[in-house]
Amino acid sequence: MPTISARLPAEEKEELDAVADMLSEDRSTTIRKALREGLETLRVRVAVERYQSGDVSAAEAAEIADLSIAEWLDVARERNLTTQLDLSDLEIDADTATEL
């Protein structure tokens, strides 16, 4: 497993240590979990922003978020997302959903 390093302000290191203690884990395990969860959150946020702006279709947003189309549609429904996509984009999404 590759090693990376990062510099943290003292406050963030203290918070990291507090969370690690709360989870009864070592700092490295807590960092890996936080990074994984943070990356998942960032991917979804980018997908939501690009979908909402009409830059990507539902299928493309699902890919960005690293979700299945069904999972993405759940995210979109939960967040009451609307899009400015035209009919051809929606047809592509429907075709993609049908293939699944």
PDB file of N, CA and C in Angstrom:
ATOM      1  N   MET A   1       0.853  -1.170   0.000  1.00  0.00           N
ATOM      2  CA  MET A   1       0.000   0.000   0.000  1.00  0.00           C
ATOM      3  C   MET A   1       0.901   1.235   0.000  1.00  0.00           C
ATOM      4  N   PRO A   2       0.674   2.160  -0.946  1.00  0.00           N
ATOM      5  CA  PRO A   2       1.504   3.358  -0.991  1.00  0.00           C
ATOM      6  C   PRO A   2       1.288   4.234   0.243  1.00  0.00           C
ATOM      7  N   THR A   3       2.294   5.002   0.553  1.00  0.00           N
ATOM      8  CA  THR A   3       2.227   5.924   1.680  1.00  0.00           C
ATOM      9  C   THR A   3       2.175   7.343   1.144  1.00  0.00           C
ATOM     10  N   ILE A   4       1.316   8.164   1.745  1.00  0.00           N
ATOM     11  CA  ILE A   4       1.274   9.587   1.439  1.00  0.00           C
ATOM     12  C   ILE A   4       1.360  10.333   2.760  1.00  0.00           C
ATOM     13  N   SER A   5       1.745  11.572   2.677  1.00  0.00           N
ATOM     14  CA  SER A   5       1.800  12.370   3.900  1.00  0.00           C
ATOM     15  C   SER A   5       1.094  13.688   3.647  1.00  0.00           C
ATOM     16  N   ALA A   6       0.628  14.272   4.720  1.00  0.00           N
ATOM     17  CA  ALA A   6      -0.057  15.561   4.621  1.00  0.00           C
ATOM     18  C   ALA A   6       0.235  16.360   5.879  1.00  0.00           C
ATOM     19  N   ARG A   7       0.296  17.639   5.739  1.00  0.00           N
ATOM     20  CA  ARG A   7       0.484  18.517   6.893  1.00  0.00           C
ATOM     21  C   ARG A   7      -0.882  19.017   7.329  1.00  0.00           C
ATOM     22  N   LEU A   8      -1.143  18.924   8.626  1.00  0.00           N
ATOM     23  CA  LEU A   8      -2.416  19.366   9.177  1.00  0.00           C
ATOM     24  C   LEU A   8      -2.177  20.442  10.223  1.00  0.00           C
ATOM     25  N   PRO A   9      -3.074  21.413  10.288  1.00  0.00           N
ATOM     26  CA  PRO A   9      -3.011  22.347  11.410  1.00  0.00           C
ATOM     27  C   PRO A   9      -3.235  21.579  12.716  1.00  0.00           C
ATOM     28  N   ALA A  10      -2.723  22.103  13.798  1.00  0.00           N
ATOM     29  CA  ALA A  10      -2.828  21.433  15.100  1.00  0.00           C
ATOM     30  C   ALA A  10      -4.277  21.104  15.453  1.00  0.00           C
ATOM     31  N   GLU A  11      -5.197  22.002  15.136  1.00  0.00           N
ATOM     32  CA  GLU A  11      -6.613  21.779  15.477  1.00  0.00           C
ATOM     33  C   GLU A  11      -7.173  20.561  14.741  1.00  0.00           C
ATOM     34  N   GLU A  12      -6.815  20.399  13.460  1.00  0.00           N
ATOM     35  CA  GLU A  12      -7.308  19.269  12.688  1.00  0.00           C
ATOM     36  C   GLU A  12      -6.690  17.955  13.175  1.00  0.00           C
ATOM     37  N   LYS A  13      -5.423  17.990  13.571  1.00  0.00           N
ATOM     38  CA  LYS A  13      -4.790  16.792  14.120  1.00  0.00           C
ATOM     39  C   LYS A  13      -5.476  16.398  15.421  1.00  0.00           C
ATOM     40  N   GLU A  14      -5.787  17.379  16.248  1.00  0.00           N
ATOM     41  CA  GLU A  14      -6.491  17.094  17.506  1.00  0.00           C
ATOM     42  C   GLU A  14      -7.866  16.495  17.225  1.00  0.00           C
ATOM     43  N   GLU A  15      -8.567  17.041  16.229  1.00  0.00           N
ATOM     44  CA  GLU A  15      -9.879  16.506  15.877  1.00  0.00           C
ATOM     45  C   GLU A  15      -9.755  15.088  15.329  1.00  0.00           C
ATOM     46  N   LEU A  16      -8.752  14.859  14.496  1.00  0.00           N
ATOM     47  CA  LEU A  16      -8.499  13.525  13.969  1.00  0.00           C
ATOM     48  C   LEU A  16      -8.243  12.534  15.095  1.00  0.00           C
ATOM     49  N   ASP A  17      -7.405  12.912  16.029  1.00  0.00           N
ATOM     50  CA  ASP A  17      -7.109  12.032  17.160  1.00  0.00           C
ATOM     51  C   ASP A  17      -8.356  11.775  18.009  1.00  0.00           C
ATOM     52  N   ALA A  18      -9.183  12.800  18.180  1.00  0.00           N
ATOM     53  CA  ALA A  18     -10.412  12.635  18.969  1.00  0.00           C
ATOM     54  C   ALA A  18     -11.363  11.660  18.283  1.00  0.00           C
ATOM     55  N   VAL A  19     -11.497  11.773  16.967  1.00  0.00           N
ATOM     56  CA  VAL A  19     -12.379  10.863  16.224  1.00  0.00           C
ATOM     57  C   VAL A  19     -11.810   9.448  16.252  1.00  0.00           C
ATOM     58  N   ALA A  20     -10.509   9.320  16.099  1.00  0.00           N
ATOM     59  CA  ALA A  20      -9.878   7.995  16.169  1.00  0.00           C
ATOM     60  C   ALA A  20     -10.141   7.357  17.525  1.00  0.00           C
ATOM     61  N   ASP A  21     -10.014   8.134  18.581  1.00  0.00           N
ATOM     62  CA  ASP A  21     -10.306   7.615  19.928  1.00  0.00           C
ATOM     63  C   ASP A  21     -11.771   7.216  20.049  1.00  0.00           C
ATOM     64  N   MET A  22     -12.650   8.060  19.536  1.00  0.00           N
ATOM     65  CA  MET A  22     -14.078   7.782  19.598  1.00  0.00           C
ATOM     66  C   MET A  22     -14.415   6.472  18.882  1.00  0.00           C
ATOM     67  N   LEU A  23     -13.726   6.203  17.778  1.00  0.00           N
ATOM     68  CA  LEU A  23     -13.969   4.992  16.992  1.00  0.00           C
ATOM     69  C   LEU A  23     -13.134   3.800  17.476  1.00  0.00           C
ATOM     70  N   SER A  24     -12.296   4.046  18.459  1.00  0.00           N
ATOM     71  CA  SER A  24     -11.369   3.015  18.962  1.00  0.00           C
ATOM     72  C   SER A  24     -10.506   2.465  17.829  1.00  0.00           C
ATOM     73  N   GLU A  25      -9.970   3.382  17.041  1.00  0.00           N
ATOM     74  CA  GLU A  25      -9.132   3.016  15.902  1.00  0.00           C
ATOM     75  C   GLU A  25      -7.828   3.794  15.972  1.00  0.00           C
ATOM     76  N   ASP A  26      -6.855   3.322  15.207  1.00  0.00           N
ATOM     77  CA  ASP A  26      -5.621   4.089  15.101  1.00  0.00           C
ATOM     78  C   ASP A  26      -5.824   5.234  14.100  1.00  0.00           C
ATOM     79  N   ARG A  27      -4.916   6.164  14.122  1.00  0.00           N
ATOM     80  CA  ARG A  27      -5.030   7.356  13.282  1.00  0.00           C
ATOM     81  C   ARG A  27      -5.067   7.004  11.798  1.00  0.00           C
ATOM     82  N   SER A  28      -4.245   6.065  11.355  1.00  0.00           N
ATOM     83  CA  SER A  28      -4.198   5.705   9.934  1.00  0.00           C
ATOM     84  C   SER A  28      -5.525   5.152   9.441  1.00  0.00           C
ATOM     85  N   THR A  29      -6.148   4.294  10.236  1.00  0.00           N
ATOM     86  CA  THR A  29      -7.448   3.727   9.847  1.00  0.00           C
ATOM     87  C   THR A  29      -8.493   4.830   9.756  1.00  0.00           C
ATOM     88  N   THR A  30      -8.467   5.735  10.710  1.00  0.00           N
ATOM     89  CA  THR A  30      -9.425   6.848  10.708  1.00  0.00           C
ATOM     90  C   THR A  30      -9.204   7.749   9.501  1.00  0.00           C
ATOM     91  N   ILE A  31      -7.954   8.004   9.158  1.00  0.00           N
ATOM     92  CA  ILE A  31      -7.659   8.824   7.981  1.00  0.00           C
ATOM     93  C   ILE A  31      -8.178   8.151   6.723  1.00  0.00           C
ATOM     94  N   ARG A  32      -7.945   6.842   6.586  1.00  0.00           N
ATOM     95  CA  ARG A  32      -8.423   6.130   5.391  1.00  0.00           C
ATOM     96  C   ARG A  32      -9.948   6.192   5.300  1.00  0.00           C
ATOM     97  N   LYS A  33     -10.635   5.984   6.413  1.00  0.00           N
ATOM     98  CA  LYS A  33     -12.105   6.056   6.399  1.00  0.00           C
ATOM     99  C   LYS A  33     -12.579   7.463   6.044  1.00  0.00           C
ATOM    100  N   ALA A  34     -11.974   8.466   6.655  1.00  0.00           N
ATOM    101  CA  ALA A  34     -12.375   9.848   6.393  1.00  0.00           C
ATOM    102  C   ALA A  34     -12.123  10.218   4.937  1.00  0.00           C
ATOM    103  N   LEU A  35     -10.996   9.777   4.401  1.00  0.00           N
ATOM    104  CA  LEU A  35     -10.682  10.060   3.007  1.00  0.00           C
ATOM    105  C   LEU A  35     -11.676   9.380   2.077  1.00  0.00           C
ATOM    106  N   ARG A  36     -11.963   8.106   2.342  1.00  0.00           N
ATOM    107  CA  ARG A  36     -12.912   7.362   1.503  1.00  0.00           C
ATOM    108  C   ARG A  36     -14.283   8.041   1.521  1.00  0.00           C
ATOM    109  N   GLU A  37     -14.774   8.339   2.731  1.00  0.00           N
ATOM    110  CA  GLU A  37     -16.091   8.971   2.835  1.00  0.00           C
ATOM    111  C   GLU A  37     -16.086  10.367   2.222  1.00  0.00           C
ATOM    112  N   GLY A  38     -14.995  11.095   2.417  1.00  0.00           N
ATOM    113  CA  GLY A  38     -14.893  12.431   1.840  1.00  0.00           C
ATOM    114  C   GLY A  38     -14.862  12.410   0.326  1.00  0.00           C
ATOM    115  N   LEU A  39     -14.138  11.462  -0.248  1.00  0.00           N
ATOM    116  CA  LEU A  39     -14.083  11.350  -1.704  1.00  0.00           C
ATOM    117  C   LEU A  39     -15.448  10.975  -2.277  1.00  0.00           C
ATOM    118  N   GLU A  40     -16.157  10.073  -1.595  1.00  0.00           N
ATOM    119  CA  GLU A  40     -17.502   9.708  -2.046  1.00  0.00           C
ATOM    120  C   GLU A  40     -18.407  10.936  -2.034  1.00  0.00           C
ATOM    121  N   THR A  41     -18.327  11.716  -0.974  1.00  0.00           N
ATOM    122  CA  THR A  41     -19.142  12.925  -0.854  1.00  0.00           C
ATOM    123  C   THR A  41     -18.791  13.932  -1.943  1.00  0.00           C
ATOM    124  N   LEU A  42     -17.509  14.115  -2.196  1.00  0.00           N
ATOM    125  CA  LEU A  42     -17.086  15.055  -3.234  1.00  0.00           C
ATOM    126  C   LEU A  42     -17.546  14.612  -4.618  1.00  0.00           C
ATOM    127  N   ARG A  43     -17.453  13.314  -4.903  1.00  0.00           N
ATOM    128  CA  ARG A  43     -17.890  12.816  -6.213  1.00  0.00           C
ATOM    129  C   ARG A  43     -19.376  13.091  -6.410  1.00  0.00           C
ATOM    130  N   VAL A  44     -20.175  12.838  -5.386  1.00  0.00           N
ATOM    131  CA  VAL A  44     -21.615  13.083  -5.490  1.00  0.00           C
ATOM    132  C   VAL A  44     -21.877  14.579  -5.645  1.00  0.00           C
ATOM    133  N   ARG A  45     -21.164  15.406  -4.887  1.00  0.00           N
ATOM    134  CA  ARG A  45     -21.377  16.853  -4.985  1.00  0.00           C
ATOM    135  C   ARG A  45     -21.077  17.357  -6.390  1.00  0.00           C
ATOM    136  N   VAL A  46     -19.976  16.903  -6.976  1.00  0.00           N
ATOM    137  CA  VAL A  46     -19.630  17.324  -8.339  1.00  0.00           C
ATOM    138  C   VAL A  46     -20.697  16.834  -9.320  1.00  0.00           C
ATOM    139  N   ALA A  47     -21.143  15.597  -9.163  1.00  0.00           N
ATOM    140  CA  ALA A  47     -22.177  15.045 -10.048  1.00  0.00           C
ATOM    141  C   ALA A  47     -23.464  15.859  -9.933  1.00  0.00           C
ATOM    142  N   VAL A  48     -23.852  16.193  -8.715  1.00  0.00           N
ATOM    143  CA  VAL A  48     -25.071  16.987  -8.496  1.00  0.00           C
ATOM    144  C   VAL A  48     -24.941  18.342  -9.179  1.00  0.00           C
ATOM    145  N   GLU A  49     -23.819  19.011  -8.974  1.00  0.00           N
ATOM    146  CA  GLU A  49     -23.624  20.335  -9.562  1.00  0.00           C
ATOM    147  C   GLU A  49     -23.656  20.283 -11.090  1.00  0.00           C
ATOM    148  N   ARG A  50     -22.971  19.299 -11.661  1.00  0.00           N
ATOM    149  CA  ARG A  50     -22.906  19.211 -13.132  1.00  0.00           C
ATOM    150  C   ARG A  50     -24.238  18.788 -13.722  1.00  0.00           C
ATOM    151  N   TYR A  51     -24.969  17.914 -13.022  1.00  0.00           N
ATOM    152  CA  TYR A  51     -26.290  17.497 -13.492  1.00  0.00           C
ATOM    153  C   TYR A  51     -27.268  18.666 -13.399  1.00  0.00           C
ATOM    154  N   GLN A  52     -27.252  19.353 -12.286  1.00  0.00           N
ATOM    155  CA  GLN A  52     -28.178  20.472 -12.082  1.00  0.00           C
ATOM    156  C   GLN A  52     -27.944  21.583 -13.100  1.00  0.00           C
ATOM    157  N   SER A  53     -26.694  21.790 -13.486  1.00  0.00           N
ATOM    158  CA  SER A  53     -26.391  22.847 -14.457  1.00  0.00           C
ATOM    159  C   SER A  53     -26.681  22.412 -15.889  1.00  0.00           C
ATOM    160  N   GLY A  54     -26.971  21.109 -16.076  1.00  0.00           N
ATOM    161  CA  GLY A  54     -27.272  20.613 -17.409  1.00  0.00           C
ATOM    162  C   GLY A  54     -26.044  20.212 -18.199  1.00  0.00           C
ATOM    163  N   ASP A  55     -24.891  20.170 -17.537  1.00  0.00           N
ATOM    164  CA  ASP A  55     -23.655  19.795 -18.222  1.00  0.00           C
ATOM    165  C   ASP A  55     -23.575  18.303 -18.516  1.00  0.00           C
ATOM    166  N   VAL A  56     -24.247  17.480 -17.695  1.00  0.00           N
ATOM    167  CA  VAL A  56     -24.182  16.032 -17.867  1.00  0.00           C
ATOM    168  C   VAL A  56     -25.568  15.422 -17.751  1.00  0.00           C
ATOM    169  N   SER A  57     -25.707  14.259 -18.352  1.00  0.00           N
ATOM    170  CA  SER A  57     -26.958  13.502 -18.267  1.00  0.00           C
ATOM    171  C   SER A  57     -26.984  12.727 -16.959  1.00  0.00           C
ATOM    172  N   ALA A  58     -28.083  12.072 -16.685  1.00  0.00           N
ATOM    173  CA  ALA A  58     -28.194  11.249 -15.485  1.00  0.00           C
ATOM    174  C   ALA A  58     -27.170  10.116 -15.516  1.00  0.00           C
ATOM    175  N   ALA A  59     -26.989   9.499 -16.681  1.00  0.00           N
ATOM    176  CA  ALA A  59     -26.017   8.411 -16.792  1.00  0.00           C
ATOM    177  C   ALA A  59     -24.605   8.919 -16.544  1.00  0.00           C
ATOM    178  N   GLU A  60     -24.281  10.093 -17.070  1.00  0.00           N
ATOM    179  CA  GLU A  60     -22.950  10.660 -16.848  1.00  0.00           C
ATOM    180  C   GLU A  60     -22.767  11.069 -15.390  1.00  0.00           C
ATOM    181  N   ALA A  61     -23.810  11.610 -14.782  1.00  0.00           N
ATOM    182  CA  ALA A  61     -23.734  11.985 -13.370  1.00  0.00           C
ATOM    183  C   ALA A  61     -23.519  10.746 -12.509  1.00  0.00           C
ATOM    184  N   ALA A  62     -24.204   9.660 -12.838  1.00  0.00           N
ATOM    185  CA  ALA A  62     -24.014   8.408 -12.105  1.00  0.00           C
ATOM    186  C   ALA A  62     -22.571   7.948 -12.206  1.00  0.00           C
ATOM    187  N   GLU A  63     -21.995   8.078 -13.386  1.00  0.00           N
ATOM    188  CA  GLU A  63     -20.599   7.675 -13.576  1.00  0.00           C
ATOM    189  C   GLU A  63     -19.659   8.550 -12.742  1.00  0.00           C
ATOM    190  N   ILE A  64     -19.887   9.853 -12.758  1.00  0.00           N
ATOM    191  CA  ILE A  64     -19.062  10.773 -11.968  1.00  0.00           C
ATOM    192  C   ILE A  64     -19.154  10.418 -10.486  1.00  0.00           C
ATOM    193  N   ALA A  65     -20.362  10.141 -10.024  1.00  0.00           N
ATOM    194  CA  ALA A  65     -20.587   9.831  -8.610  1.00  0.00           C
ATOM    195  C   ALA A  65     -20.180   8.414  -8.248  1.00  0.00           C
ATOM    196  N   ASP A  66     -19.816   7.618  -9.248  1.00  0.00           N
ATOM    197  CA  ASP A  66     -19.457   6.216  -9.059  1.00  0.00           C
ATOM    198  C   ASP A  66     -20.628   5.436  -8.455  1.00  0.00           C
ATOM    199  N   LEU A  67     -21.811   5.687  -9.034  1.00  0.00           N
ATOM    200  CA  LEU A  67     -23.041   5.034  -8.603  1.00  0.00           C
ATOM    201  C   LEU A  67     -23.695   4.359  -9.801  1.00  0.00           C
ATOM    202  N   SER A  68     -24.550   3.392  -9.520  1.00  0.00           N
ATOM    203  CA  SER A  68     -25.374   2.835 -10.586  1.00  0.00           C
ATOM    204  C   SER A  68     -26.401   3.899 -10.970  1.00  0.00           C
ATOM    205  N   ILE A  69     -27.013   3.737 -12.127  1.00  0.00           N
ATOM    206  CA  ILE A  69     -28.033   4.706 -12.549  1.00  0.00           C
ATOM    207  C   ILE A  69     -29.196   4.717 -11.564  1.00  0.00           C
ATOM    208  N   ALA A  70     -29.556   3.558 -11.022  1.00  0.00           N
ATOM    209  CA  ALA A  70     -30.644   3.497 -10.039  1.00  0.00           C
ATOM    210  C   ALA A  70     -30.261   4.253  -8.770  1.00  0.00           C
ATOM    211  N   GLU A  71     -29.023   4.079  -8.319  1.00  0.00           N
ATOM    212  CA  GLU A  71     -28.568   4.804  -7.129  1.00  0.00           C
ATOM    213  C   GLU A  71     -28.544   6.302  -7.393  1.00  0.00           C
ATOM    214  N   TRP A  72     -28.092   6.684  -8.599  1.00  0.00           N
ATOM    215  CA  TRP A  72     -28.068   8.104  -8.936  1.00  0.00           C
ATOM    216  C   TRP A  72     -29.481   8.681  -8.954  1.00  0.00           C
ATOM    217  N   LEU A  73     -30.422   7.951  -9.529  1.00  0.00           N
ATOM    218  CA  LEU A  73     -31.797   8.454  -9.580  1.00  0.00           C
ATOM    219  C   LEU A  73     -32.366   8.629  -8.173  1.00  0.00           C
ATOM    220  N   ASP A  74     -31.967   7.769  -7.240  1.00  0.00           N
ATOM    221  CA  ASP A  74     -32.367   7.948  -5.837  1.00  0.00           C
ATOM    222  C   ASP A  74     -31.782   9.241  -5.271  1.00  0.00           C
ATOM    223  N   VAL A  75     -30.510   9.489  -5.560  1.00  0.00           N
ATOM    224  CA  VAL A  75     -29.867  10.732  -5.098  1.00  0.00           C
ATOM    225  C   VAL A  75     -30.596  11.936  -5.682  1.00  0.00           C
ATOM    226  N   ALA A  76     -30.858  11.893  -6.974  1.00  0.00           N
ATOM    227  CA  ALA A  76     -31.536  13.004  -7.647  1.00  0.00           C
ATOM    228  C   ALA A  76     -32.925  13.240  -7.049  1.00  0.00           C
ATOM    229  N   ARG A  77     -33.652  12.155  -6.786  1.00  0.00           N
ATOM    230  CA  ARG A  77     -34.989  12.289  -6.195  1.00  0.00           C
ATOM    231  C   ARG A  77     -34.908  12.868  -4.786  1.00  0.00           C
ATOM    232  N   GLU A  78     -33.983  12.343  -3.977  1.00  0.00           N
ATOM    233  CA  GLU A  78     -33.834  12.811  -2.595  1.00  0.00           C
ATOM    234  C   GLU A  78     -33.493  14.299  -2.535  1.00  0.00           C
ATOM    235  N   ARG A  79     -32.764  14.770  -3.523  1.00  0.00           N
ATOM    236  CA  ARG A  79     -32.326  16.168  -3.539  1.00  0.00           C
ATOM    237  C   ARG A  79     -33.218  17.050  -4.400  1.00  0.00           C
ATOM    238  N   ASN A  80     -34.302  16.460  -4.916  1.00  0.00           N
ATOM    239  CA  ASN A  80     -35.238  17.207  -5.760  1.00  0.00           C
ATOM    240  C   ASN A  80     -34.521  17.927  -6.897  1.00  0.00           C
ATOM    241  N   LEU A  81     -33.627  17.197  -7.559  1.00  0.00           N
ATOM    242  CA  LEU A  81     -32.851  17.804  -8.635  1.00  0.00           C
ATOM    243  C   LEU A  81     -33.683  17.971  -9.887  1.00  0.00           C
ATOM    244  N   THR A  82     -33.470  19.073 -10.543  1.00  0.00           N
ATOM    245  CA  THR A  82     -34.038  19.304 -11.865  1.00  0.00           C
ATOM    246  C   THR A  82     -32.876  19.569 -12.791  1.00  0.00           C
ATOM    247  N   THR A  83     -33.098  19.424 -14.051  1.00  0.00           N
ATOM    248  CA  THR A  83     -32.022  19.642 -15.008  1.00  0.00           C
ATOM    249  C   THR A  83     -32.545  20.411 -16.202  1.00  0.00           C
ATOM    250  N   GLN A  84     -31.616  20.947 -16.950  1.00  0.00           N
ATOM    251  CA  GLN A  84     -31.950  21.696 -18.151  1.00  0.00           C
ATOM    252  C   GLN A  84     -31.644  20.884 -19.404  1.00  0.00           C
ATOM    253  N   LEU A  85     -31.565  19.561 -19.261  1.00  0.00           N
ATOM    254  CA  LEU A  85     -31.236  18.704 -20.397  1.00  0.00           C
ATOM    255  C   LEU A  85     -32.352  18.735 -21.430  1.00  0.00           C
ATOM    256  N   ASP A  86     -31.962  18.554 -22.691  1.00  0.00           N
ATOM    257  CA  ASP A  86     -32.980  18.508 -23.735  1.00  0.00           C
ATOM    258  C   ASP A  86     -33.473  17.072 -23.929  1.00  0.00           C
ATOM    259  N   LEU A  87     -34.450  16.906 -24.776  1.00  0.00           N
ATOM    260  CA  LEU A  87     -35.101  15.608 -24.976  1.00  0.00           C
ATOM    261  C   LEU A  87     -34.124  14.524 -25.415  1.00  0.00           C
ATOM    262  N   SER A  88     -33.173  14.855 -26.267  1.00  0.00           N
ATOM    263  CA  SER A  88     -32.227  13.831 -26.739  1.00  0.00           C
ATOM    264  C   SER A  88     -31.373  13.302 -25.581  1.00  0.00           C
ATOM    265  N   ASP A  89     -31.006  14.169 -24.633  1.00  0.00           N
ATOM    266  CA  ASP A  89     -30.251  13.714 -23.465  1.00  0.00           C
ATOM    267  C   ASP A  89     -31.091  12.752 -22.629  1.00  0.00           C
ATOM    268  N   LEU A  90     -32.344  13.077 -22.454  1.00  0.00           N
ATOM    269  CA  LEU A  90     -33.235  12.214 -21.673  1.00  0.00           C
ATOM    270  C   LEU A  90     -33.454  10.871 -22.363  1.00  0.00           C
ATOM    271  N   GLU A  91     -33.517  10.878 -23.693  1.00  0.00           N
ATOM    272  CA  GLU A  91     -33.667   9.624 -24.431  1.00  0.00           C
ATOM    273  C   GLU A  91     -32.437   8.736 -24.242  1.00  0.00           C
ATOM    274  N   ILE A  92     -31.257   9.335 -24.247  1.00  0.00           N
ATOM    275  CA  ILE A  92     -30.025   8.575 -24.012  1.00  0.00           C
ATOM    276  C   ILE A  92     -30.057   7.973 -22.604  1.00  0.00           C
ATOM    277  N   ASP A  93     -30.487   8.754 -21.621  1.00  0.00           N
ATOM    278  CA  ASP A  93     -30.588   8.245 -20.260  1.00  0.00           C
ATOM    279  C   ASP A  93     -31.584   7.086 -20.178  1.00  0.00           C
ATOM    280  N   ALA A  94     -32.699   7.228 -20.874  1.00  0.00           N
ATOM    281  CA  ALA A  94     -33.714   6.165 -20.862  1.00  0.00           C
ATOM    282  C   ALA A  94     -33.174   4.904 -21.511  1.00  0.00           C
ATOM    283  N   ASP A  95     -32.446   5.058 -22.610  1.00  0.00           N
ATOM    284  CA  ASP A  95     -31.842   3.909 -23.276  1.00  0.00           C
ATOM    285  C   ASP A  95     -30.816   3.226 -22.358  1.00  0.00           C
ATOM    286  N   THR A  96     -30.020   4.019 -21.679  1.00  0.00           N
ATOM    287  CA  THR A  96     -29.020   3.472 -20.757  1.00  0.00           C
ATOM    288  C   THR A  96     -29.709   2.715 -19.638  1.00  0.00           C
ATOM    289  N   ALA A  97     -30.769   3.284 -19.079  1.00  0.00           N
ATOM    290  CA  ALA A  97     -31.494   2.619 -17.995  1.00  0.00           C
ATOM    291  C   ALA A  97     -32.129   1.311 -18.471  1.00  0.00           C
ATOM    292  N   THR A  98     -32.629   1.302 -19.706  1.00  0.00           N
ATOM    293  CA  THR A  98     -33.235   0.106 -20.258  1.00  0.00           C
ATOM    294  C   THR A  98     -32.209  -1.014 -20.429  1.00  0.00           C
ATOM    295  N   GLU A  99     -30.983  -0.647 -20.802  1.00  0.00           N
ATOM    296  CA  GLU A  99     -29.928  -1.641 -20.997  1.00  0.00           C
ATOM    297  C   GLU A  99     -29.506  -2.301 -19.688  1.00  0.00           C
ATOM    298  N   LEU A 100     -29.735  -1.618 -18.585  1.00  0.00           N
ATOM    299  CA  LEU A 100     -29.337  -2.170 -17.291  1.00  0.00           C
ATOM    300  C   LEU A 100     -30.355  -3.181 -16.888  1.00  0.00           C
TER     301      LEU A 100
END
